[in-house]
Amino acid sequence: WHTCELCPPAIERAGEGNGEIRITKNGITYAAPQLIWHYVTAHQYRPPQAFIDAVLNSLKVETPEHSD
């Protein structure tokens, strides 16, 4: 497990995760820790614009194209 190093130690389980998410767009695969949502919402982290664009334009998991 990875614990967020930016959260004060007194906050129990403020940010923990053990996975990675991957987004592929235009032949480029971007990887980010599962905690990226925590970093964005709790610490105002802004990922690189190319990652943001890939996330916003990625296929929805429910679509047949995603499973291809």
PDB file of N, CA and C in Angstrom:
ATOM      1  N   TRP A   1       0.823  -1.188   0.000  1.00  0.00           N
ATOM      2  CA  TRP A   1       0.000   0.000   0.000  1.00  0.00           C
ATOM      3  C   TRP A   1       0.859   1.240   0.000  1.00  0.00           C
ATOM      4  N   HIS A   2       0.387   2.247  -0.653  1.00  0.00           N
ATOM      5  CA  HIS A   2       1.058   3.548  -0.671  1.00  0.00           C
ATOM      6  C   HIS A   2       0.178   4.513   0.111  1.00  0.00           C
ATOM      7  N   THR A   3       0.778   5.274   1.005  1.00  0.00           N
ATOM      8  CA  THR A   3       0.060   6.291   1.767  1.00  0.00           C
ATOM      9  C   THR A   3       0.512   7.655   1.275  1.00  0.00           C
ATOM     10  N   CYS A   4      -0.417   8.563   1.129  1.00  0.00           N
ATOM     11  CA  CYS A   4      -0.107   9.904   0.646  1.00  0.00           C
ATOM     12  C   CYS A   4       0.876  10.584   1.588  1.00  0.00           C
ATOM     13  N   GLU A   5       1.998  11.018   1.036  1.00  0.00           N
ATOM     14  CA  GLU A   5       3.015  11.712   1.826  1.00  0.00           C
ATOM     15  C   GLU A   5       2.663  13.171   2.078  1.00  0.00           C
ATOM     16  N   LEU A   6       1.652  13.680   1.402  1.00  0.00           N
ATOM     17  CA  LEU A   6       1.280  15.081   1.549  1.00  0.00           C
ATOM     18  C   LEU A   6       0.272  15.307   2.677  1.00  0.00           C
ATOM     19  N   CYS A   7      -0.437  14.250   3.069  1.00  0.00           N
ATOM     20  CA  CYS A   7      -1.417  14.370   4.149  1.00  0.00           C
ATOM     21  C   CYS A   7      -0.719  14.324   5.503  1.00  0.00           C
ATOM     22  N   PRO A   8      -1.193  15.111   6.467  1.00  0.00           N
ATOM     23  CA  PRO A   8      -0.616  15.052   7.807  1.00  0.00           C
ATOM     24  C   PRO A   8      -0.785  13.643   8.393  1.00  0.00           C
ATOM     25  N   PRO A   9       0.202  13.169   9.150  1.00  0.00           N
ATOM     26  CA  PRO A   9       0.121  11.825   9.726  1.00  0.00           C
ATOM     27  C   PRO A   9      -1.090  11.613  10.638  1.00  0.00           C
ATOM     28  N   ALA A  10      -1.621  12.672  11.211  1.00  0.00           N
ATOM     29  CA  ALA A  10      -2.747  12.548  12.136  1.00  0.00           C
ATOM     30  C   ALA A  10      -4.040  12.147  11.425  1.00  0.00           C
ATOM     31  N   ILE A  11      -4.107  12.337  10.102  1.00  0.00           N
ATOM     32  CA  ILE A  11      -5.315  11.994   9.359  1.00  0.00           C
ATOM     33  C   ILE A  11      -5.227  10.520   8.972  1.00  0.00           C
ATOM     34  N   GLU A  12      -5.993   9.699   9.665  1.00  0.00           N
ATOM     35  CA  GLU A  12      -5.950   8.258   9.430  1.00  0.00           C
ATOM     36  C   GLU A  12      -6.572   7.913   8.083  1.00  0.00           C
ATOM     37  N   ARG A  13      -5.833   7.157   7.282  1.00  0.00           N
ATOM     38  CA  ARG A  13      -6.288   6.679   5.975  1.00  0.00           C
ATOM     39  C   ARG A  13      -6.729   7.816   5.053  1.00  0.00           C
ATOM     40  N   ALA A  14      -6.084   8.955   5.149  1.00  0.00           N
ATOM     41  CA  ALA A  14      -6.458  10.100   4.318  1.00  0.00           C
ATOM     42  C   ALA A  14      -6.309   9.786   2.844  1.00  0.00           C
ATOM     43  N   GLY A  15      -5.229   9.161   2.502  1.00  0.00           N
ATOM     44  CA  GLY A  15      -5.009   8.792   1.116  1.00  0.00           C
ATOM     45  C   GLY A  15      -4.188   7.527   1.055  1.00  0.00           C
ATOM     46  N   GLU A  16      -4.802   6.427   0.668  1.00  0.00           N
ATOM     47  CA  GLU A  16      -4.104   5.159   0.522  1.00  0.00           C
ATOM     48  C   GLU A  16      -4.537   4.503  -0.775  1.00  0.00           C
ATOM     49  N   GLY A  17      -3.620   3.820  -1.391  1.00  0.00           N
ATOM     50  CA  GLY A  17      -3.956   3.104  -2.609  1.00  0.00           C
ATOM     51  C   GLY A  17      -2.856   2.126  -2.949  1.00  0.00           C
ATOM     52  N   ASN A  18      -3.176   1.163  -3.795  1.00  0.00           N
ATOM     53  CA  ASN A  18      -2.164   0.175  -4.164  1.00  0.00           C
ATOM     54  C   ASN A  18      -2.217  -0.178  -5.640  1.00  0.00           C
ATOM     55  N   GLY A  19      -2.836   0.643  -6.410  1.00  0.00           N
ATOM     56  CA  GLY A  19      -2.983   0.292  -7.812  1.00  0.00           C
ATOM     57  C   GLY A  19      -2.516   1.379  -8.752  1.00  0.00           C
ATOM     58  N   GLU A  20      -2.712   1.102 -10.017  1.00  0.00           N
ATOM     59  CA  GLU A  20      -2.318   2.029 -11.068  1.00  0.00           C
ATOM     60  C   GLU A  20      -3.433   2.029 -12.106  1.00  0.00           C
ATOM     61  N   ILE A  21      -3.713   3.181 -12.657  1.00  0.00           N
ATOM     62  CA  ILE A  21      -4.659   3.251 -13.762  1.00  0.00           C
ATOM     63  C   ILE A  21      -3.878   3.572 -15.028  1.00  0.00           C
ATOM     64  N   ARG A  22      -4.368   3.084 -16.143  1.00  0.00           N
ATOM     65  CA  ARG A  22      -3.720   3.339 -17.430  1.00  0.00           C
ATOM     66  C   ARG A  22      -4.765   3.821 -18.418  1.00  0.00           C
ATOM     67  N   ILE A  23      -4.395   4.832 -19.152  1.00  0.00           N
ATOM     68  CA  ILE A  23      -5.261   5.419 -20.171  1.00  0.00           C
ATOM     69  C   ILE A  23      -4.468   5.413 -21.477  1.00  0.00           C
ATOM     70  N   THR A  24      -5.047   4.862 -22.532  1.00  0.00           N
ATOM     71  CA  THR A  24      -4.384   4.854 -23.831  1.00  0.00           C
ATOM     72  C   THR A  24      -5.169   5.732 -24.792  1.00  0.00           C
ATOM     73  N   LYS A  25      -4.460   6.618 -25.442  1.00  0.00           N
ATOM     74  CA  LYS A  25      -5.073   7.512 -26.428  1.00  0.00           C
ATOM     75  C   LYS A  25      -4.049   7.788 -27.525  1.00  0.00           C
ATOM     76  N   ASN A  26      -4.459   7.600 -28.758  1.00  0.00           N
ATOM     77  CA  ASN A  26      -3.586   7.841 -29.916  1.00  0.00           C
ATOM     78  C   ASN A  26      -2.276   7.061 -29.824  1.00  0.00           C
ATOM     79  N   GLY A  27      -2.363   5.823 -29.336  1.00  0.00           N
ATOM     80  CA  GLY A  27      -1.187   4.963 -29.276  1.00  0.00           C
ATOM     81  C   GLY A  27      -0.246   5.242 -28.117  1.00  0.00           C
ATOM     82  N   ILE A  28      -0.583   6.180 -27.257  1.00  0.00           N
ATOM     83  CA  ILE A  28       0.250   6.504 -26.092  1.00  0.00           C
ATOM     84  C   ILE A  28      -0.491   6.043 -24.842  1.00  0.00           C
ATOM     85  N   THR A  29       0.198   5.292 -23.976  1.00  0.00           N
ATOM     86  CA  THR A  29      -0.402   4.842 -22.737  1.00  0.00           C
ATOM     87  C   THR A  29       0.156   5.666 -21.589  1.00  0.00           C
ATOM     88  N   TYR A  30      -0.758   6.284 -20.851  1.00  0.00           N
ATOM     89  CA  TYR A  30      -0.395   7.075 -19.677  1.00  0.00           C
ATOM     90  C   TYR A  30      -0.705   6.238 -18.442  1.00  0.00           C
ATOM     91  N   ALA A  31       0.164   6.296 -17.454  1.00  0.00           N
ATOM     92  CA  ALA A  31      -0.044   5.560 -16.210  1.00  0.00           C
ATOM     93  C   ALA A  31      -0.035   6.546 -15.049  1.00  0.00           C
ATOM     94  N   ALA A  32      -0.902   6.290 -14.087  1.00  0.00           N
ATOM     95  CA  ALA A  32      -0.978   7.145 -12.899  1.00  0.00           C
ATOM     96  C   ALA A  32      -1.320   6.270 -11.694  1.00  0.00           C
ATOM     97  N   PRO A  33      -0.894   6.676 -10.515  1.00  0.00           N
ATOM     98  CA  PRO A  33      -1.256   5.905  -9.332  1.00  0.00           C
ATOM     99  C   PRO A  33      -2.759   6.001  -9.071  1.00  0.00           C
ATOM    100  N   GLN A  34      -3.285   4.981  -8.435  1.00  0.00           N
ATOM    101  CA  GLN A  34      -4.705   4.975  -8.089  1.00  0.00           C
ATOM    102  C   GLN A  34      -5.072   6.220  -7.283  1.00  0.00           C
ATOM    103  N   LEU A  35      -4.136   6.766  -6.552  1.00  0.00           N
ATOM    104  CA  LEU A  35      -4.386   7.936  -5.713  1.00  0.00           C
ATOM    105  C   LEU A  35      -4.469   9.251  -6.484  1.00  0.00           C
ATOM    106  N   ILE A  36      -4.413   9.215  -7.787  1.00  0.00           N
ATOM    107  CA  ILE A  36      -4.422  10.476  -8.528  1.00  0.00           C
ATOM    108  C   ILE A  36      -5.653  11.312  -8.206  1.00  0.00           C
ATOM    109  N   TRP A  37      -6.801  10.661  -8.028  1.00  0.00           N
ATOM    110  CA  TRP A  37      -8.020  11.403  -7.681  1.00  0.00           C
ATOM    111  C   TRP A  37      -7.828  12.119  -6.351  1.00  0.00           C
ATOM    112  N   HIS A  38      -7.223  11.427  -5.386  1.00  0.00           N
ATOM    113  CA  HIS A  38      -6.948  12.037  -4.084  1.00  0.00           C
ATOM    114  C   HIS A  38      -6.016  13.241  -4.247  1.00  0.00           C
ATOM    115  N   TYR A  39      -4.953  13.080  -5.024  1.00  0.00           N
ATOM    116  CA  TYR A  39      -4.002  14.183  -5.216  1.00  0.00           C
ATOM    117  C   TYR A  39      -4.671  15.395  -5.856  1.00  0.00           C
ATOM    118  N   VAL A  40      -5.548  15.142  -6.822  1.00  0.00           N
ATOM    119  CA  VAL A  40      -6.239  16.239  -7.512  1.00  0.00           C
ATOM    120  C   VAL A  40      -7.219  16.938  -6.578  1.00  0.00           C
ATOM    121  N   THR A  41      -8.044  16.161  -5.866  1.00  0.00           N
ATOM    122  CA  THR A  41      -9.094  16.762  -5.048  1.00  0.00           C
ATOM    123  C   THR A  41      -8.604  17.275  -3.699  1.00  0.00           C
ATOM    124  N   ALA A  42      -7.643  16.616  -3.099  1.00  0.00           N
ATOM    125  CA  ALA A  42      -7.192  17.021  -1.759  1.00  0.00           C
ATOM    126  C   ALA A  42      -6.008  17.974  -1.790  1.00  0.00           C
ATOM    127  N   HIS A  43      -5.199  17.888  -2.849  1.00  0.00           N
ATOM    128  CA  HIS A  43      -3.953  18.672  -2.875  1.00  0.00           C
ATOM    129  C   HIS A  43      -3.815  19.560  -4.104  1.00  0.00           C
ATOM    130  N   GLN A  44      -4.892  19.690  -4.886  1.00  0.00           N
ATOM    131  CA  GLN A  44      -4.924  20.556  -6.065  1.00  0.00           C
ATOM    132  C   GLN A  44      -3.836  20.224  -7.090  1.00  0.00           C
ATOM    133  N   TYR A  45      -3.440  18.947  -7.162  1.00  0.00           N
ATOM    134  CA  TYR A  45      -2.479  18.521  -8.180  1.00  0.00           C
ATOM    135  C   TYR A  45      -3.140  18.599  -9.547  1.00  0.00           C
ATOM    136  N   ARG A  46      -2.412  19.085 -10.517  1.00  0.00           N
ATOM    137  CA  ARG A  46      -2.917  19.131 -11.889  1.00  0.00           C
ATOM    138  C   ARG A  46      -2.006  18.265 -12.752  1.00  0.00           C
ATOM    139  N   PRO A  47      -2.552  17.137 -13.262  1.00  0.00           N
ATOM    140  CA  PRO A  47      -1.748  16.285 -14.141  1.00  0.00           C
ATOM    141  C   PRO A  47      -1.391  17.026 -15.426  1.00  0.00           C
ATOM    142  N   PRO A  48      -0.423  16.519 -16.170  1.00  0.00           N
ATOM    143  CA  PRO A  48      -0.097  17.133 -17.460  1.00  0.00           C
ATOM    144  C   PRO A  48      -1.325  17.175 -18.371  1.00  0.00           C
ATOM    145  N   GLN A  49      -1.407  18.198 -19.188  1.00  0.00           N
ATOM    146  CA  GLN A  49      -2.569  18.388 -20.060  1.00  0.00           C
ATOM    147  C   GLN A  49      -2.797  17.188 -20.977  1.00  0.00           C
ATOM    148  N   ALA A  50      -1.726  16.555 -21.453  1.00  0.00           N
ATOM    149  CA  ALA A  50      -1.885  15.392 -22.336  1.00  0.00           C
ATOM    150  C   ALA A  50      -2.613  14.260 -21.610  1.00  0.00           C
ATOM    151  N   PHE A  51      -2.336  14.064 -20.326  1.00  0.00           N
ATOM    152  CA  PHE A  51      -3.031  13.048 -19.531  1.00  0.00           C
ATOM    153  C   PHE A  51      -4.498  13.424 -19.355  1.00  0.00           C
ATOM    154  N   ILE A  52      -4.753  14.671 -19.033  1.00  0.00           N
ATOM    155  CA  ILE A  52      -6.134  15.143 -18.860  1.00  0.00           C
ATOM    156  C   ILE A  52      -6.925  14.930 -20.148  1.00  0.00           C
ATOM    157  N   ASP A  53      -6.341  15.306 -21.278  1.00  0.00           N
ATOM    158  CA  ASP A  53      -7.019  15.134 -22.568  1.00  0.00           C
ATOM    159  C   ASP A  53      -7.311  13.663 -22.846  1.00  0.00           C
ATOM    160  N   ALA A  54      -6.349  12.783 -22.537  1.00  0.00           N
ATOM    161  CA  ALA A  54      -6.549  11.352 -22.759  1.00  0.00           C
ATOM    162  C   ALA A  54      -7.689  10.827 -21.895  1.00  0.00           C
ATOM    163  N   VAL A  55      -7.755  11.253 -20.644  1.00  0.00           N
ATOM    164  CA  VAL A  55      -8.828  10.808 -19.746  1.00  0.00           C
ATOM    165  C   VAL A  55     -10.180  11.303 -20.260  1.00  0.00           C
ATOM    166  N   LEU A  56     -10.252  12.568 -20.621  1.00  0.00           N
ATOM    167  CA  LEU A  56     -11.521  13.139 -21.057  1.00  0.00           C
ATOM    168  C   LEU A  56     -12.003  12.569 -22.388  1.00  0.00           C
ATOM    169  N   ASN A  57     -11.088  12.061 -23.193  1.00  0.00           N
ATOM    170  CA  ASN A  57     -11.453  11.546 -24.506  1.00  0.00           C
ATOM    171  C   ASN A  57     -11.320  10.034 -24.611  1.00  0.00           C
ATOM    172  N   SER A  58     -11.162   9.356 -23.490  1.00  0.00           N
ATOM    173  CA  SER A  58     -10.995   7.904 -23.520  1.00  0.00           C
ATOM    174  C   SER A  58     -12.352   7.220 -23.688  1.00  0.00           C
ATOM    175  N   LEU A  59     -12.304   5.966 -24.070  1.00  0.00           N
ATOM    176  CA  LEU A  59     -13.524   5.181 -24.242  1.00  0.00           C
ATOM    177  C   LEU A  59     -14.111   4.824 -22.888  1.00  0.00           C
ATOM    178  N   LYS A  60     -15.419   4.795 -22.818  1.00  0.00           N
ATOM    179  CA  LYS A  60     -16.068   4.348 -21.593  1.00  0.00           C
ATOM    180  C   LYS A  60     -15.899   2.841 -21.470  1.00  0.00           C
ATOM    181  N   VAL A  61     -15.727   2.375 -20.245  1.00  0.00           N
ATOM    182  CA  VAL A  61     -15.479   0.955 -20.001  1.00  0.00           C
ATOM    183  C   VAL A  61     -16.607   0.084 -20.534  1.00  0.00           C
ATOM    184  N   GLU A  62     -17.821   0.570 -20.528  1.00  0.00           N
ATOM    185  CA  GLU A  62     -18.977  -0.227 -20.929  1.00  0.00           C
ATOM    186  C   GLU A  62     -19.075  -0.432 -22.441  1.00  0.00           C
ATOM    187  N   THR A  63     -18.287   0.274 -23.222  1.00  0.00           N
ATOM    188  CA  THR A  63     -18.442   0.203 -24.679  1.00  0.00           C
ATOM    189  C   THR A  63     -17.716  -1.010 -25.272  1.00  0.00           C
ATOM    190  N   PRO A  64     -18.242  -1.571 -26.375  1.00  0.00           N
ATOM    191  CA  PRO A  64     -17.576  -2.699 -27.027  1.00  0.00           C
ATOM    192  C   PRO A  64     -16.177  -2.338 -27.508  1.00  0.00           C
ATOM    193  N   GLU A  65     -15.985  -1.061 -27.907  1.00  0.00           N
ATOM    194  CA  GLU A  65     -14.661  -0.633 -28.391  1.00  0.00           C
ATOM    195  C   GLU A  65     -13.608  -0.759 -27.302  1.00  0.00           C
ATOM    196  N   HIS A  66     -14.013  -0.565 -26.050  1.00  0.00           N
ATOM    197  CA  HIS A  66     -13.052  -0.637 -24.941  1.00  0.00           C
ATOM    198  C   HIS A  66     -12.476  -2.045 -24.816  1.00  0.00           C
ATOM    199  N   SER A  67     -13.303  -3.053 -24.969  1.00  0.00           N
ATOM    200  CA  SER A  67     -12.823  -4.416 -24.800  1.00  0.00           C
ATOM    201  C   SER A  67     -11.922  -4.861 -25.945  1.00  0.00           C
ATOM    202  N   ASP A  68     -12.029  -4.182 -27.103  1.00  0.00           N
ATOM    203  CA  ASP A  68     -11.146  -4.500 -28.230  1.00  0.00           C
ATOM    204  C   ASP A  68      -9.742  -4.056 -27.910  1.00  0.00           C
TER     205      ASP A  68
END
